């Protein structure tokens, strides 16, 4: 399913899967430009719409907890460094503690 005004990158279309008792629902984001003159430059509005529901859910492969911990640790370090570099000290502190 395609949304003509959605920002797209090289990664293509992204959807969110919500797993429930009757199967999976899939949601797609629709992006619109809002007030282009906002001082804080937060001009994008996003609306999520369900594009499928009650779909069979694929069984996920069991996760290797040691690898997942390593990936999470690396991601938290990156987020903390990003927050610090952008003057977001409150967030940096939270991610550093994590």
N, C-alpha and C. Protein backbone atom coordinates (compact mmCIF):
# COMPACT_ATOMS: atom_id res chain seq x y z
N UNK A 1 0.85 -1.17 0.00
CA UNK A 1 0.00 0.00 0.00
C UNK A 1 0.90 1.23 0.00
N UNK A 2 0.55 2.23 -0.71
CA UNK A 2 1.40 3.39 -0.88
C UNK A 2 0.69 4.66 -0.42
N UNK A 3 1.45 5.54 0.20
CA UNK A 3 0.93 6.85 0.60
C UNK A 3 1.74 7.89 -0.16
N UNK A 4 1.12 8.63 -1.09
CA UNK A 4 1.89 9.52 -1.97
C UNK A 4 2.65 10.62 -1.24
N UNK A 5 2.17 11.10 -0.11
CA UNK A 5 2.85 12.22 0.56
C UNK A 5 3.76 11.77 1.69
N UNK A 6 4.00 10.48 1.83
CA UNK A 6 4.84 9.99 2.92
C UNK A 6 6.30 10.15 2.56
N UNK A 7 7.11 10.73 3.50
CA UNK A 7 8.55 10.81 3.24
C UNK A 7 9.11 9.39 3.17
N UNK A 8 9.89 9.12 2.18
CA UNK A 8 10.47 7.77 2.02
C UNK A 8 11.97 7.91 1.84
N UNK A 9 12.67 6.99 2.41
CA UNK A 9 14.11 6.94 2.23
C UNK A 9 14.47 5.71 1.44
N UNK A 10 15.72 5.38 1.45
CA UNK A 10 16.20 4.22 0.71
C UNK A 10 15.66 2.93 1.30
N UNK A 11 15.17 2.98 2.53
CA UNK A 11 14.68 1.78 3.20
C UNK A 11 13.28 1.39 2.79
N UNK A 12 12.58 2.18 2.01
CA UNK A 12 11.25 1.84 1.54
C UNK A 12 10.17 2.10 2.59
N UNK A 13 9.06 1.40 2.43
CA UNK A 13 7.90 1.58 3.29
C UNK A 13 8.09 0.87 4.63
N UNK A 14 7.75 1.54 5.70
CA UNK A 14 7.81 0.95 7.04
C UNK A 14 6.40 0.85 7.59
N UNK A 15 6.10 -0.26 8.26
CA UNK A 15 4.82 -0.43 8.92
C UNK A 15 5.07 -0.91 10.34
N UNK A 16 4.08 -0.72 11.19
CA UNK A 16 4.14 -1.20 12.57
C UNK A 16 3.24 -2.41 12.68
N UNK A 17 3.77 -3.48 13.28
CA UNK A 17 2.97 -4.67 13.53
C UNK A 17 2.58 -4.69 15.00
N UNK A 18 1.29 -4.81 15.25
CA UNK A 18 0.77 -4.93 16.62
C UNK A 18 0.20 -6.35 16.76
N UNK A 19 0.78 -7.13 17.66
CA UNK A 19 0.37 -8.52 17.83
C UNK A 19 -0.67 -8.60 18.94
N UNK A 20 -1.82 -9.17 18.62
CA UNK A 20 -2.90 -9.30 19.58
C UNK A 20 -3.41 -10.73 19.64
N UNK A 21 -4.43 -10.96 20.44
CA UNK A 21 -4.94 -12.33 20.63
C UNK A 21 -5.53 -12.95 19.37
N UNK A 22 -6.00 -12.12 18.43
CA UNK A 22 -6.59 -12.66 17.19
C UNK A 22 -5.64 -12.57 16.00
N UNK A 23 -4.39 -12.24 16.25
CA UNK A 23 -3.41 -12.12 15.18
C UNK A 23 -2.79 -10.73 15.14
N UNK A 24 -2.16 -10.42 14.02
CA UNK A 24 -1.44 -9.16 13.88
C UNK A 24 -2.26 -8.12 13.13
N UNK A 25 -2.10 -6.88 13.54
CA UNK A 25 -2.63 -5.73 12.80
C UNK A 25 -1.43 -4.94 12.30
N UNK A 26 -1.56 -4.36 11.13
CA UNK A 26 -0.47 -3.58 10.54
C UNK A 26 -0.92 -2.15 10.36
N UNK A 27 -0.02 -1.21 10.73
CA UNK A 27 -0.32 0.22 10.68
C UNK A 27 0.73 0.91 9.82
N UNK A 28 0.26 1.87 9.02
CA UNK A 28 1.14 2.65 8.15
C UNK A 28 1.03 4.13 8.54
N UNK A 29 2.14 4.83 8.47
CA UNK A 29 2.16 6.26 8.80
C UNK A 29 1.85 7.09 7.55
N UNK A 30 1.04 8.12 7.73
CA UNK A 30 0.79 9.10 6.68
C UNK A 30 1.31 10.45 7.17
N UNK A 31 2.21 11.05 6.42
CA UNK A 31 2.85 12.30 6.84
C UNK A 31 2.29 13.47 6.05
N UNK A 32 2.10 14.62 6.74
CA UNK A 32 1.66 15.85 6.11
C UNK A 32 2.46 17.01 6.66
N UNK A 33 2.71 17.97 5.80
CA UNK A 33 3.42 19.18 6.23
C UNK A 33 2.40 20.10 6.88
N UNK A 34 2.73 20.58 8.08
CA UNK A 34 1.86 21.51 8.78
C UNK A 34 2.29 22.95 8.53
N UNK A 35 2.35 23.73 9.59
CA UNK A 35 2.71 25.15 9.51
C UNK A 35 4.21 25.29 9.26
N UNK A 36 4.57 25.67 8.05
CA UNK A 36 5.99 25.80 7.68
C UNK A 36 6.68 26.98 8.37
N UNK A 37 5.90 27.87 9.00
CA UNK A 37 6.50 29.05 9.62
C UNK A 37 6.73 28.89 11.12
N UNK A 38 6.48 27.71 11.66
CA UNK A 38 6.68 27.50 13.10
C UNK A 38 8.12 27.79 13.49
N UNK A 39 8.28 28.50 14.59
CA UNK A 39 9.61 28.87 15.05
C UNK A 39 10.44 27.65 15.44
N UNK A 40 9.80 26.63 15.99
CA UNK A 40 10.55 25.45 16.42
C UNK A 40 10.79 24.46 15.29
N UNK A 41 10.30 24.76 14.08
CA UNK A 41 10.48 23.97 12.87
C UNK A 41 9.89 22.56 12.96
N UNK A 42 8.96 22.35 13.88
CA UNK A 42 8.26 21.06 13.99
C UNK A 42 7.02 21.14 13.11
N UNK A 43 7.21 20.86 11.84
CA UNK A 43 6.15 21.11 10.87
C UNK A 43 5.43 19.84 10.42
N UNK A 44 5.91 18.68 10.77
CA UNK A 44 5.31 17.44 10.27
C UNK A 44 4.21 16.94 11.19
N UNK A 45 3.12 16.48 10.58
CA UNK A 45 2.02 15.82 11.28
C UNK A 45 1.97 14.39 10.77
N UNK A 46 1.82 13.45 11.69
CA UNK A 46 1.74 12.05 11.28
C UNK A 46 0.44 11.44 11.77
N UNK A 47 -0.18 10.67 10.92
CA UNK A 47 -1.40 9.94 11.26
C UNK A 47 -1.15 8.48 10.91
N UNK A 48 -1.45 7.59 11.85
CA UNK A 48 -1.29 6.17 11.60
C UNK A 48 -2.65 5.58 11.25
N UNK A 49 -2.67 4.77 10.20
CA UNK A 49 -3.91 4.09 9.82
C UNK A 49 -3.65 2.59 9.69
N UNK A 50 -4.63 1.85 10.17
CA UNK A 50 -4.51 0.40 10.10
C UNK A 50 -4.76 -0.04 8.66
N UNK A 51 -3.83 -0.85 8.13
CA UNK A 51 -3.96 -1.31 6.76
C UNK A 51 -4.31 -2.80 6.68
N UNK A 52 -4.22 -3.51 7.81
CA UNK A 52 -4.62 -4.92 7.86
C UNK A 52 -4.85 -5.29 9.32
N UNK A 53 -5.73 -6.28 9.54
CA UNK A 53 -5.96 -6.75 10.90
C UNK A 53 -6.24 -8.25 10.88
N UNK A 54 -6.11 -8.86 12.06
CA UNK A 54 -6.37 -10.28 12.23
C UNK A 54 -5.58 -11.15 11.25
N UNK A 55 -4.34 -10.73 11.00
CA UNK A 55 -3.47 -11.48 10.10
C UNK A 55 -2.68 -12.52 10.90
N UNK A 56 -2.33 -13.65 10.28
CA UNK A 56 -1.52 -14.64 11.00
C UNK A 56 -0.20 -14.02 11.45
N UNK A 57 0.19 -14.32 12.65
CA UNK A 57 1.45 -13.81 13.20
C UNK A 57 2.52 -14.87 13.02
N UNK A 58 3.64 -14.46 12.43
CA UNK A 58 4.75 -15.39 12.25
C UNK A 58 5.44 -15.61 13.58
N UNK A 59 5.80 -16.84 13.84
CA UNK A 59 6.55 -17.15 15.07
C UNK A 59 7.95 -16.58 14.93
N UNK A 60 8.37 -15.83 15.91
CA UNK A 60 9.71 -15.25 15.89
C UNK A 60 10.73 -16.29 16.35
N UNK A 61 11.91 -16.19 15.79
CA UNK A 61 13.00 -17.07 16.22
C UNK A 61 13.40 -16.68 17.64
N UNK A 62 13.78 -17.63 18.46
CA UNK A 62 14.21 -17.28 19.81
C UNK A 62 15.42 -16.34 19.76
N UNK A 63 15.42 -15.38 20.66
CA UNK A 63 16.50 -14.40 20.69
C UNK A 63 17.66 -14.87 21.55
N UNK A 64 18.84 -14.50 21.11
CA UNK A 64 20.05 -14.74 21.88
C UNK A 64 20.20 -13.54 22.83
N UNK A 65 19.93 -13.76 24.12
CA UNK A 65 19.90 -12.65 25.07
C UNK A 65 21.24 -11.95 25.22
N UNK A 66 22.33 -12.68 25.08
CA UNK A 66 23.66 -12.05 25.20
C UNK A 66 23.86 -11.07 24.05
N UNK A 67 23.51 -11.49 22.84
CA UNK A 67 23.65 -10.59 21.68
C UNK A 67 22.71 -9.40 21.78
N UNK A 68 21.49 -9.65 22.23
CA UNK A 68 20.53 -8.56 22.39
C UNK A 68 21.02 -7.54 23.41
N UNK A 69 21.60 -8.00 24.51
CA UNK A 69 22.13 -7.09 25.52
C UNK A 69 23.25 -6.24 24.93
N UNK A 70 24.14 -6.86 24.15
CA UNK A 70 25.22 -6.11 23.52
C UNK A 70 24.67 -5.04 22.58
N UNK A 71 23.66 -5.41 21.78
CA UNK A 71 23.05 -4.45 20.86
C UNK A 71 22.36 -3.31 21.60
N UNK A 72 21.65 -3.63 22.67
CA UNK A 72 20.98 -2.61 23.46
C UNK A 72 22.01 -1.67 24.10
N UNK A 73 23.06 -2.23 24.67
CA UNK A 73 24.12 -1.39 25.28
C UNK A 73 24.71 -0.42 24.24
N UNK A 74 25.00 -0.93 23.04
CA UNK A 74 25.58 -0.09 21.99
C UNK A 74 24.59 1.00 21.57
N UNK A 75 23.31 0.64 21.45
CA UNK A 75 22.30 1.64 21.06
C UNK A 75 22.16 2.72 22.13
N UNK A 76 22.16 2.33 23.40
CA UNK A 76 22.04 3.32 24.48
C UNK A 76 23.22 4.27 24.50
N UNK A 77 24.41 3.75 24.23
CA UNK A 77 25.60 4.61 24.17
C UNK A 77 25.47 5.60 23.03
N UNK A 78 25.02 5.13 21.86
CA UNK A 78 24.84 6.03 20.71
C UNK A 78 23.80 7.11 21.00
N UNK A 79 22.70 6.71 21.63
CA UNK A 79 21.64 7.69 21.95
C UNK A 79 22.16 8.71 22.95
N UNK A 80 22.89 8.26 23.94
CA UNK A 80 23.44 9.17 24.95
C UNK A 80 24.40 10.16 24.29
N UNK A 81 25.26 9.67 23.40
CA UNK A 81 26.21 10.55 22.71
C UNK A 81 25.48 11.57 21.83
N UNK A 82 24.43 11.13 21.15
CA UNK A 82 23.64 12.02 20.31
C UNK A 82 23.00 13.11 21.17
N UNK A 83 22.38 12.70 22.28
CA UNK A 83 21.72 13.66 23.16
C UNK A 83 22.72 14.68 23.70
N UNK A 84 23.89 14.22 24.09
CA UNK A 84 24.93 15.13 24.60
C UNK A 84 25.35 16.11 23.51
N UNK A 85 25.58 15.60 22.30
CA UNK A 85 26.03 16.46 21.19
C UNK A 85 24.99 17.51 20.81
N UNK A 86 23.72 17.24 21.11
CA UNK A 86 22.66 18.18 20.75
C UNK A 86 22.11 18.96 21.94
N UNK A 87 22.86 18.96 23.04
CA UNK A 87 22.47 19.77 24.20
C UNK A 87 21.24 19.27 24.92
N UNK A 88 20.94 17.99 24.82
CA UNK A 88 19.77 17.41 25.48
C UNK A 88 20.22 16.67 26.73
N UNK A 89 20.72 17.42 27.69
CA UNK A 89 21.37 16.83 28.86
C UNK A 89 20.45 15.94 29.68
N UNK A 90 19.17 16.31 29.81
CA UNK A 90 18.25 15.45 30.57
C UNK A 90 18.16 14.06 29.96
N UNK A 91 18.00 14.02 28.63
CA UNK A 91 17.95 12.72 27.95
C UNK A 91 19.28 12.00 28.05
N UNK A 92 20.38 12.74 27.88
CA UNK A 92 21.71 12.13 27.95
C UNK A 92 21.90 11.44 29.29
N UNK A 93 21.48 12.07 30.36
CA UNK A 93 21.61 11.50 31.69
C UNK A 93 20.80 10.23 31.83
N UNK A 94 19.58 10.24 31.34
CA UNK A 94 18.72 9.06 31.41
C UNK A 94 19.34 7.89 30.65
N UNK A 95 19.82 8.15 29.44
CA UNK A 95 20.39 7.06 28.65
C UNK A 95 21.73 6.61 29.20
N UNK A 96 22.48 7.50 29.81
CA UNK A 96 23.75 7.10 30.43
C UNK A 96 23.48 6.14 31.59
N UNK A 97 22.45 6.45 32.40
CA UNK A 97 22.10 5.56 33.51
C UNK A 97 21.59 4.20 33.03
N UNK A 98 20.95 4.21 31.88
CA UNK A 98 20.38 2.96 31.36
C UNK A 98 21.48 2.00 30.98
